[in-house]
C-alpha atoms as a PDB file:
ATOM      1  CA  MET A   1     100.393  95.470  63.841  1.00  0.00           C
ATOM      2  CA  PRO A   2      97.375  93.743  66.326  1.00  0.00           C
ATOM      3  CA  LEU A   3      96.987  90.111  65.604  1.00  0.00           C
ATOM      4  CA  ILE A   4      93.159  90.010  64.625  1.00  0.00           C
ATOM      5  CA  PHE A   5      91.265  87.183  65.450  1.00  0.00           C
ATOM      6  CA  CYS A   6      90.001  84.724  62.750  1.00  0.00           C
ATOM      7  CA  LYS A   7      86.439  83.899  62.841  1.00  0.00           C
ATOM      8  CA  GLU A   8      87.416  80.351  62.044  1.00  0.00           C
ATOM      9  CA  ARG A   9      89.759  79.874  64.534  1.00  0.00           C
ATOM     10  CA  LYS A  10      88.973  77.978  68.018  1.00  0.00           C
ATOM     11  CA  ILE A  11      89.418  80.647  71.168  1.00  0.00           C
ATOM     12  CA  MET A  12      91.325  79.050  73.493  1.00  0.00           C
ATOM     13  CA  ARG A  13      91.858  80.036  77.268  1.00  0.00           C
ATOM     14  CA  TYR A  14      95.614  80.178  78.703  1.00  0.00           C
ATOM     15  CA  LYS A  15      96.723  80.441  82.531  1.00  0.00           C
ATOM     16  CA  LEU A  16      99.095  83.000  82.720  1.00  0.00           C
ATOM     17  CA  THR A  17     101.933  82.639  85.860  1.00  0.00           C
ATOM     18  CA  LEU A  18     103.058  86.102  86.444  1.00  0.00           C
ATOM     19  CA  GLU A  19     105.215  88.243  89.034  1.00  0.00           C
ATOM     20  CA  TYR A  20     105.031  92.036  89.801  1.00  0.00           C
ATOM     21  CA  ASP A  21     106.126  94.811  91.998  1.00  0.00           C
ATOM     22  CA  GLY A  22     103.199  96.303  93.384  1.00  0.00           C
ATOM     23  CA  THR A  23     105.047  99.542  95.093  1.00  0.00           C
ATOM     24  CA  ASN A  24     103.856 102.122  92.270  1.00  0.00           C
ATOM     25  CA  THR A  25     100.511 100.445  91.368  1.00  0.00           C
ATOM     26  CA  LEU A  26      96.858 100.479  92.575  1.00  0.00           C
ATOM     27  CA  GLY A  27      97.030  97.107  92.903  1.00  0.00           C
ATOM     28  CA  TRP A  28      95.695  94.016  90.705  1.00  0.00           C
ATOM     29  CA  GLN A  29      92.126  95.881  90.239  1.00  0.00           C
ATOM     30  CA  ARG A  30      91.745  98.769  87.124  1.00  0.00           C
ATOM     31  CA  GLN A  31      91.428 101.971  88.524  1.00  0.00           C
ATOM     32  CA  LEU A  32      90.335 105.455  87.260  1.00  0.00           C
ATOM     33  CA  ASP A  33      93.301 107.365  89.006  1.00  0.00           C
ATOM     34  CA  GLY A  34      96.493 105.289  88.738  1.00  0.00           C
ATOM     35  CA  PRO A  35      97.956 102.288  86.952  1.00  0.00           C
ATOM     36  CA  SER A  36      97.279  98.715  87.648  1.00  0.00           C
ATOM     37  CA  ILE A  37      98.426  95.304  87.201  1.00  0.00           C
ATOM     38  CA  GLN A  38      95.479  94.454  85.067  1.00  0.00           C
ATOM     39  CA  GLU A  39      95.130  97.308  83.296  1.00  0.00           C
ATOM     40  CA  TYR A  40      98.720  96.546  81.993  1.00  0.00           C
ATOM     41  CA  LEU A  41      97.729  93.354  80.946  1.00  0.00           C
ATOM     42  CA  GLU A  42      94.350  93.867  79.468  1.00  0.00           C
ATOM     43  CA  THR A  43      96.516  96.870  77.563  1.00  0.00           C
ATOM     44  CA  VAL A  44      98.665  94.382  75.858  1.00  0.00           C
ATOM     45  CA  LEU A  45      96.167  91.621  75.291  1.00  0.00           C
ATOM     46  CA  GLU A  46      93.948  94.346  73.426  1.00  0.00           C
ATOM     47  CA  THR A  47      97.347  94.989  71.349  1.00  0.00           C
ATOM     48  CA  LEU A  48      98.084  91.781  70.449  1.00  0.00           C
ATOM     49  CA  SER A  49      94.172  90.487  69.704  1.00  0.00           C
ATOM     50  CA  GLY A  50      92.603  93.629  68.520  1.00  0.00           C
ATOM     51  CA  GLN A  51      89.894  93.111  71.084  1.00  0.00           C
ATOM     52  CA  HIS A  52      89.369  94.594  74.641  1.00  0.00           C
ATOM     53  CA  SER A  53      88.524  91.572  76.914  1.00  0.00           C
ATOM     54  CA  GLU A  54      89.339  91.687  80.916  1.00  0.00           C
ATOM     55  CA  VAL A  55      92.416  89.593  82.611  1.00  0.00           C
ATOM     56  CA  ALA A  56      90.762  87.156  85.398  1.00  0.00           C
ATOM     57  CA  THR A  57      93.074  86.521  88.246  1.00  0.00           C
ATOM     58  CA  ALA A  58      93.340  84.266  91.506  1.00  0.00           C
ATOM     59  CA  GLY A  59      93.337  87.058  93.672  1.00  0.00           C
ATOM     60  CA  ARG A  60      93.230  91.105  93.630  1.00  0.00           C
ATOM     61  CA  THR A  61      96.255  91.999  95.693  1.00  0.00           C
ATOM     62  CA  ASP A  62      96.084  95.652  97.031  1.00  0.00           C
ATOM     63  CA  ALA A  63      98.621  98.097  96.404  1.00  0.00           C
ATOM     64  CA  GLY A  64     102.113  98.074  97.114  1.00  0.00           C
ATOM     65  CA  VAL A  65     101.414  94.698  97.482  1.00  0.00           C
ATOM     66  CA  HIS A  66     103.749  92.391  95.387  1.00  0.00           C
ATOM     67  CA  ALA A  67     103.621  88.839  93.378  1.00  0.00           C
ATOM     68  CA  LEU A  68     105.704  85.883  92.999  1.00  0.00           C
ATOM     69  CA  GLY A  69     103.071  83.398  91.439  1.00  0.00           C
ATOM     70  CA  GLN A  70     100.200  85.324  90.779  1.00  0.00           C
ATOM     71  CA  VAL A  71      97.884  83.553  88.295  1.00  0.00           C
ATOM     72  CA  ALA A  72      95.416  84.847  85.683  1.00  0.00           C
ATOM     73  CA  HIS A  73      93.950  83.488  82.455  1.00  0.00           C
ATOM     74  CA  ILE A  74      93.069  85.083  79.381  1.00  0.00           C
ATOM     75  CA  ASP A  75      90.781  83.691  76.098  1.00  0.00           C
ATOM     76  CA  PHE A  76      93.568  83.934  73.289  1.00  0.00           C
ATOM     77  CA  ASP A  77      93.659  82.389  69.537  1.00  0.00           C
ATOM     78  CA  THR A  78      95.090  79.415  69.153  1.00  0.00           C
ATOM     79  CA  SER A  79      97.347  80.825  66.368  1.00  0.00           C
ATOM     80  CA  MET A  80      99.951  81.375  68.918  1.00  0.00           C
ATOM     81  CA  GLU A  81     102.076  78.556  70.835  1.00  0.00           C
ATOM     82  CA  THR A  82     102.248  79.508  74.412  1.00  0.00           C
ATOM     83  CA  TRP A  83     106.050  80.212  74.604  1.00  0.00           C
ATOM     84  CA  LYS A  84     105.293  83.268  71.935  1.00  0.00           C
ATOM     85  CA  ILE A  85     102.109  84.438  74.116  1.00  0.00           C
ATOM     86  CA  ARG A  86     104.752  84.934  77.082  1.00  0.00           C
ATOM     87  CA  GLU A  87     107.201  86.480  74.696  1.00  0.00           C
ATOM     88  CA  ALA A  88     104.713  88.750  73.152  1.00  0.00           C
ATOM     89  CA  PHE A  89     103.666  89.783  76.278  1.00  0.00           C
ATOM     90  CA  ASN A  90     106.534  89.975  77.842  1.00  0.00           C
ATOM     91  CA  ALA A  91     108.143  92.273  75.117  1.00  0.00           C
ATOM     92  CA  ASN A  92     105.169  94.827  75.476  1.00  0.00           C
ATOM     93  CA  LEU A  93     105.305  95.150  79.033  1.00  0.00           C
ATOM     94  CA  ARG A  94     108.797  96.272  78.853  1.00  0.00           C
ATOM     95  CA  GLN A  95     107.795  98.979  76.249  1.00  0.00           C
ATOM     96  CA  LEU A  96     105.019 100.325  78.738  1.00  0.00           C
ATOM     97  CA  GLU A  97     107.515 100.081  81.418  1.00  0.00           C
ATOM     98  CA  ALA A  98     104.974  97.577  83.598  1.00  0.00           C
ATOM     99  CA  PRO A  99     106.454  96.256  86.613  1.00  0.00           C
ATOM    100  CA  VAL A 100     104.648  92.936  85.763  1.00  0.00           C
ATOM    101  CA  ASN A 101     106.319  89.566  83.752  1.00  0.00           C
ATOM    102  CA  VAL A 102     104.794  86.724  82.611  1.00  0.00           C
ATOM    103  CA  LEU A 103     106.845  83.679  83.817  1.00  0.00           C
ATOM    104  CA  GLU A 104     105.045  81.060  82.114  1.00  0.00           C
ATOM    105  CA  VAL A 105     101.669  80.520  80.042  1.00  0.00           C
ATOM    106  CA  GLU A 106      99.635  77.040  79.766  1.00  0.00           C
ATOM    107  CA  GLU A 107      96.906  76.267  77.959  1.00  0.00           C
ATOM    108  CA  VAL A 108      94.117  75.481  79.773  1.00  0.00           C
ATOM    109  CA  SER A 109      90.293  73.767  79.897  1.00  0.00           C
ATOM    110  CA  ASP A 110      87.559  76.141  78.916  1.00  0.00           C
ATOM    111  CA  ASP A 111      85.929  75.213  82.689  1.00  0.00           C
ATOM    112  CA  PHE A 112      89.238  76.584  83.769  1.00  0.00           C
ATOM    113  CA  HIS A 113      89.141  80.161  86.050  1.00  0.00           C
ATOM    114  CA  ALA A 114      91.705  81.504  87.692  1.00  0.00           C
ATOM    115  CA  ARG A 115      90.010  82.380  90.517  1.00  0.00           C
ATOM    116  CA  PHE A 116      87.090  80.067  90.891  1.00  0.00           C
ATOM    117  CA  SER A 117      88.924  76.846  90.056  1.00  0.00           C
ATOM    118  CA  ALA A 118      91.951  77.599  93.211  1.00  0.00           C
ATOM    119  CA  LYS A 119      92.182  75.201  95.633  1.00  0.00           C
ATOM    120  CA  GLY A 120      94.536  77.329  97.914  1.00  0.00           C
ATOM    121  CA  ARG A 121      96.687  80.592  97.890  1.00  0.00           C
ATOM    122  CA  GLY A 122     100.016  81.151  99.411  1.00  0.00           C
ATOM    123  CA  TYR A 123     101.332  84.323 100.664  1.00  0.00           C
ATOM    124  CA  ILE A 124     104.795  85.308 102.496  1.00  0.00           C
ATOM    125  CA  TYR A 125     105.272  88.254 104.439  1.00  0.00           C
ATOM    126  CA  ARG A 126     108.739  89.669 105.249  1.00  0.00           C
ATOM    127  CA  ILE A 127     110.319  91.549 108.169  1.00  0.00           C
ATOM    128  CA  LEU A 128     113.406  93.160 108.210  1.00  0.00           C
ATOM    129  CA  ASN A 129     114.521  92.436 111.778  1.00  0.00           C
ATOM    130  CA  ARG A 130     117.564  94.918 112.625  1.00  0.00           C
ATOM    131  CA  ARG A 131     118.523  98.076 113.632  1.00  0.00           C
ATOM    132  CA  SER A 132     119.692  99.579 110.238  1.00  0.00           C
ATOM    133  CA  PRO A 133     117.049  99.865 107.589  1.00  0.00           C
ATOM    134  CA  SER A 134     118.083  98.405 104.035  1.00  0.00           C
ATOM    135  CA  ILE A 135     118.559 100.204 100.789  1.00  0.00           C
ATOM    136  CA  LEU A 136     118.347  97.633  98.219  1.00  0.00           C
ATOM    137  CA  ARG A 137     114.974  96.132 100.152  1.00  0.00           C
ATOM    138  CA  ASN A 138     113.913  99.277 100.424  1.00  0.00           C
ATOM    139  CA  ASN A 139     109.414  98.651  99.464  1.00  0.00           C
ATOM    140  CA  ARG A 140     110.165  94.576  99.957  1.00  0.00           C
ATOM    141  CA  VAL A 141     110.125  94.524 103.228  1.00  0.00           C
ATOM    142  CA  TRP A 142     108.708  95.666 106.519  1.00  0.00           C
ATOM    143  CA  TRP A 143     111.772  97.168 108.591  1.00  0.00           C
ATOM    144  CA  VAL A 144     111.596  96.776 112.280  1.00  0.00           C
ATOM    145  CA  PRO A 145     114.118  97.813 114.065  1.00  0.00           C
ATOM    146  CA  VAL A 146     113.291  96.472 117.525  1.00  0.00           C
ATOM    147  CA  PRO A 147     114.240  92.952 118.571  1.00  0.00           C
ATOM    148  CA  LEU A 148     111.300  90.486 118.333  1.00  0.00           C
ATOM    149  CA  ASP A 149     111.062  87.186 119.793  1.00  0.00           C
ATOM    150  CA  ILE A 150     110.246  84.590 117.210  1.00  0.00           C
ATOM    151  CA  ASN A 151     109.946  82.140 119.710  1.00  0.00           C
ATOM    152  CA  LYS A 152     106.549  83.799 121.010  1.00  0.00           C
ATOM    153  CA  MET A 153     105.536  84.576 117.605  1.00  0.00           C
ATOM    154  CA  GLN A 154     105.602  81.164 116.471  1.00  0.00           C
ATOM    155  CA  GLU A 155     103.955  80.233 119.957  1.00  0.00           C
ATOM    156  CA  ALA A 156     101.191  82.519 119.090  1.00  0.00           C
ATOM    157  CA  ALA A 157     100.666  81.752 115.553  1.00  0.00           C
ATOM    158  CA  GLN A 158      99.157  78.272 116.751  1.00  0.00           C
ATOM    159  CA  PHE A 159      96.382  79.612 117.913  1.00  0.00           C
ATOM    160  CA  LEU A 160      95.108  80.758 114.253  1.00  0.00           C
ATOM    161  CA  LEU A 161      95.567  77.989 112.776  1.00  0.00           C
ATOM    162  CA  GLY A 162      92.379  76.075 111.590  1.00  0.00           C
ATOM    163  CA  ASN A 163      88.968  77.244 111.301  1.00  0.00           C
ATOM    164  CA  HIS A 164      87.930  80.275 112.953  1.00  0.00           C
ATOM    165  CA  ASP A 165      85.835  83.417 112.860  1.00  0.00           C
ATOM    166  CA  PHE A 166      88.642  86.049 111.914  1.00  0.00           C
ATOM    167  CA  THR A 167      86.370  89.231 112.506  1.00  0.00           C
ATOM    168  CA  SER A 168      89.163  90.514 114.532  1.00  0.00           C
ATOM    169  CA  PHE A 169      91.816  90.431 111.594  1.00  0.00           C
ATOM    170  CA  ARG A 170      89.426  91.515 109.183  1.00  0.00           C
ATOM    171  CA  ALA A 171      89.549  95.488 107.215  1.00  0.00           C
ATOM    172  CA  ALA A 172      86.051  97.114 107.628  1.00  0.00           C
ATOM    173  CA  ALA A 173      85.786  97.040 104.159  1.00  0.00           C
ATOM    174  CA  CYS A 174      86.012  93.530 103.321  1.00  0.00           C
ATOM    175  CA  GLN A 175      83.219  92.291 101.045  1.00  0.00           C
ATOM    176  CA  ALA A 176      83.287  88.516 102.327  1.00  0.00           C
ATOM    177  CA  LYS A 177      79.822  87.513 103.062  1.00  0.00           C
ATOM    178  CA  SER A 178      81.377  85.144 106.115  1.00  0.00           C
ATOM    179  CA  PRO A 179      84.216  85.658 108.375  1.00  0.00           C
ATOM    180  CA  ILE A 180      85.023  82.322 108.970  1.00  0.00           C
ATOM    181  CA  LYS A 181      87.577  81.063 106.987  1.00  0.00           C
ATOM    182  CA  THR A 182      90.232  77.848 107.702  1.00  0.00           C
ATOM    183  CA  LEU A 183      93.969  78.645 108.050  1.00  0.00           C
ATOM    184  CA  ASP A 184      96.391  75.727 107.152  1.00  0.00           C
ATOM    185  CA  LYS A 185      99.562  76.856 107.345  1.00  0.00           C
ATOM    186  CA  LEU A 186     101.502  79.792 109.560  1.00  0.00           C
ATOM    187  CA  ASP A 187     104.867  78.959 109.735  1.00  0.00           C
ATOM    188  CA  ILE A 188     107.413  81.821 111.135  1.00  0.00           C
ATOM    189  CA  GLN A 189     111.083  81.223 109.686  1.00  0.00           C
ATOM    190  CA  GLN A 190     114.086  83.258 110.922  1.00  0.00           C
ATOM    191  CA  ASN A 191     116.725  83.935 107.811  1.00  0.00           C
ATOM    192  CA  ASP A 192     119.626  85.941 108.573  1.00  0.00           C
ATOM    193  CA  ASP A 193     118.623  89.461 109.279  1.00  0.00           C
ATOM    194  CA  GLU A 194     114.552  88.652 107.809  1.00  0.00           C
ATOM    195  CA  ILE A 195     111.479  87.108 109.915  1.00  0.00           C
ATOM    196  CA  ILE A 196     109.280  85.142 107.427  1.00  0.00           C
ATOM    197  CA  PHE A 197     105.617  84.302 107.553  1.00  0.00           C
ATOM    198  CA  ILE A 198     104.531  81.278 105.041  1.00  0.00           C
ATOM    199  CA  VAL A 199     100.527  81.574 105.360  1.00  0.00           C
ATOM    200  CA  GLU A 200      98.584  79.096 103.365  1.00  0.00           C
ATOM    201  CA  ALA A 201      94.661  78.749 103.213  1.00  0.00           C
ATOM    202  CA  LYS A 202      91.843  78.557 100.172  1.00  0.00           C
ATOM    203  CA  SER A 203      90.710  81.959 100.946  1.00  0.00           C
ATOM    204  CA  PHE A 204      91.398  84.961 103.034  1.00  0.00           C
ATOM    205  CA  LEU A 205      89.558  87.816 104.078  1.00  0.00           C
ATOM    206  CA  HIS A 206      90.740  91.615 103.080  1.00  0.00           C
ATOM    207  CA  HIS A 207      93.883  92.146 104.945  1.00  0.00           C
ATOM    208  CA  GLN A 208      93.878  89.100 106.990  1.00  0.00           C
ATOM    209  CA  VAL A 209      97.016  88.253 106.366  1.00  0.00           C
ATOM    210  CA  ARG A 210      98.748  91.734 106.913  1.00  0.00           C
ATOM    211  CA  ASN A 211      96.330  91.782 110.536  1.00  0.00           C
ATOM    212  CA  MET A 212      97.633  88.669 111.730  1.00  0.00           C
ATOM    213  CA  VAL A 213     101.228  89.935 110.775  1.00  0.00           C
ATOM    214  CA  GLY A 214     100.843  93.203 112.586  1.00  0.00           C
ATOM    215  CA  THR A 215      99.467  91.282 115.639  1.00  0.00           C
ATOM    216  CA  LEU A 216     102.322  88.580 115.810  1.00  0.00           C
ATOM    217  CA  LYS A 217     104.775  91.382 115.454  1.00  0.00           C
ATOM    218  CA  GLN A 218     103.053  93.183 118.799  1.00  0.00           C
ATOM    219  CA  VAL A 219     103.957  89.441 120.502  1.00  0.00           C
ATOM    220  CA  GLY A 220     107.179  89.396 119.021  1.00  0.00           C
ATOM    221  CA  GLU A 221     107.838  92.844 120.820  1.00  0.00           C
ATOM    222  CA  GLY A 222     106.626  91.489 124.260  1.00  0.00           C
ATOM    223  CA  LYS A 223     103.520  94.020 124.160  1.00  0.00           C
ATOM    224  CA  MET A 224     101.266  90.794 123.847  1.00  0.00           C
ATOM    225  CA  LEU A 225     101.270  87.429 125.568  1.00  0.00           C
ATOM    226  CA  PRO A 226     100.648  84.235 122.858  1.00  0.00           C
ATOM    227  CA  LYS A 227      98.062  83.196 124.653  1.00  0.00           C
ATOM    228  CA  ASP A 228      96.177  87.091 124.036  1.00  0.00           C
ATOM    229  CA  ILE A 229      95.603  85.781 120.598  1.00  0.00           C
ATOM    230  CA  LYS A 230      93.274  83.291 121.626  1.00  0.00           C
ATOM    231  CA  THR A 231      91.340  86.208 122.956  1.00  0.00           C
ATOM    232  CA  ILE A 232      91.679  88.292 120.259  1.00  0.00           C
ATOM    233  CA  LEU A 233      89.882  85.979 117.890  1.00  0.00           C
ATOM    234  CA  GLU A 234      87.042  85.015 120.555  1.00  0.00           C
ATOM    235  CA  ALA A 235      86.423  88.828 120.725  1.00  0.00           C
ATOM    236  CA  LYS A 236      85.326  88.974 117.011  1.00  0.00           C
ATOM    237  CA  ASP A 237      86.437  92.664 117.423  1.00  0.00           C
ATOM    238  CA  ARG A 238      88.747  94.566 114.803  1.00  0.00           C
ATOM    239  CA  SER A 239      89.894  97.061 117.452  1.00  0.00           C
ATOM    240  CA  LYS A 240      91.245  94.165 119.732  1.00  0.00           C
ATOM    241  CA  ALA A 241      94.123  92.952 117.403  1.00  0.00           C
ATOM    242  CA  GLY A 242      97.339  95.089 116.222  1.00  0.00           C
ATOM    243  CA  ALA A 243      98.024  97.172 113.645  1.00  0.00           C
ATOM    244  CA  THR A 244      97.615  96.449 109.960  1.00  0.00           C
ATOM    245  CA  ALA A 245     101.166  95.640 108.843  1.00  0.00           C
ATOM    246  CA  PRO A 246     102.303  97.665 105.725  1.00  0.00           C
ATOM    247  CA  ALA A 247     101.709  96.182 102.357  1.00  0.00           C
ATOM    248  CA  CYS A 248     105.440  96.415 101.223  1.00  0.00           C
ATOM    249  CA  GLY A 249     106.142  92.922 102.664  1.00  0.00           C
ATOM    250  CA  LEU A 250     103.659  91.166 101.658  1.00  0.00           C
ATOM    251  CA  TYR A 251     104.190  88.573  98.561  1.00  0.00           C
ATOM    252  CA  LEU A 252     101.293  86.613  97.034  1.00  0.00           C
ATOM    253  CA  ASN A 253     103.636  83.548  96.339  1.00  0.00           C
ATOM    254  CA  LYS A 254     101.637  80.752  94.828  1.00  0.00           C
ATOM    255  CA  VAL A 255      98.207  79.924  93.677  1.00  0.00           C
ATOM    256  CA  MET A 256      97.258  75.967  94.252  1.00  0.00           C
ATOM    257  CA  TYR A 257      95.183  73.870  91.771  1.00  0.00           C
END
């Protein structure tokens, strides 16, 4: 039975930390033609509260992109403790067979906003770099069977750090007012047969991380020189950079407040 809000009770704001598998969804944002993470969460919220309201998020991930630490916020009745909200959400999400799980619920102030209060966002991108594909990591990594030179990719990545016009790494459909962003971190690490990109900034352009990874992969293959990244940045032309890396290897790792 829905837990109907009582007029006498104060509505509180709660921060939700989420993980999800984006493989079979259309991404975060509610869509008319398929399932989304937002739709799953709003369906559960309506079941619990008896009212429909929007679930706001720190970032709208694309179809196929996963999350280890996505953040959203909801307004909810104080009659439920935070752990009960978490358990109620997860129980209902399991009934929906939704590929999303609430990791943590925290009470926050009324002026907290999952998106506008965020001071930074962190992504990781995983490349499986070996000759054989993976069954267990299917839709979790980008399989690249040709050897990649991680040292050259690390050298090339240094050109992307700092404040730049990232037009060359911006999707055509990007709605950001400015292509200028500050990239705070771009580390590339080897973990057995995986190459992992760790990327952090206050905010990103649409497809920026995937476009950077796709271009650095070409450096690793020897199709570009590390110094070519500087030329690509200065060109401010998307056609000069590499192809967009597939969504399956990208994870929203954390949101910083």
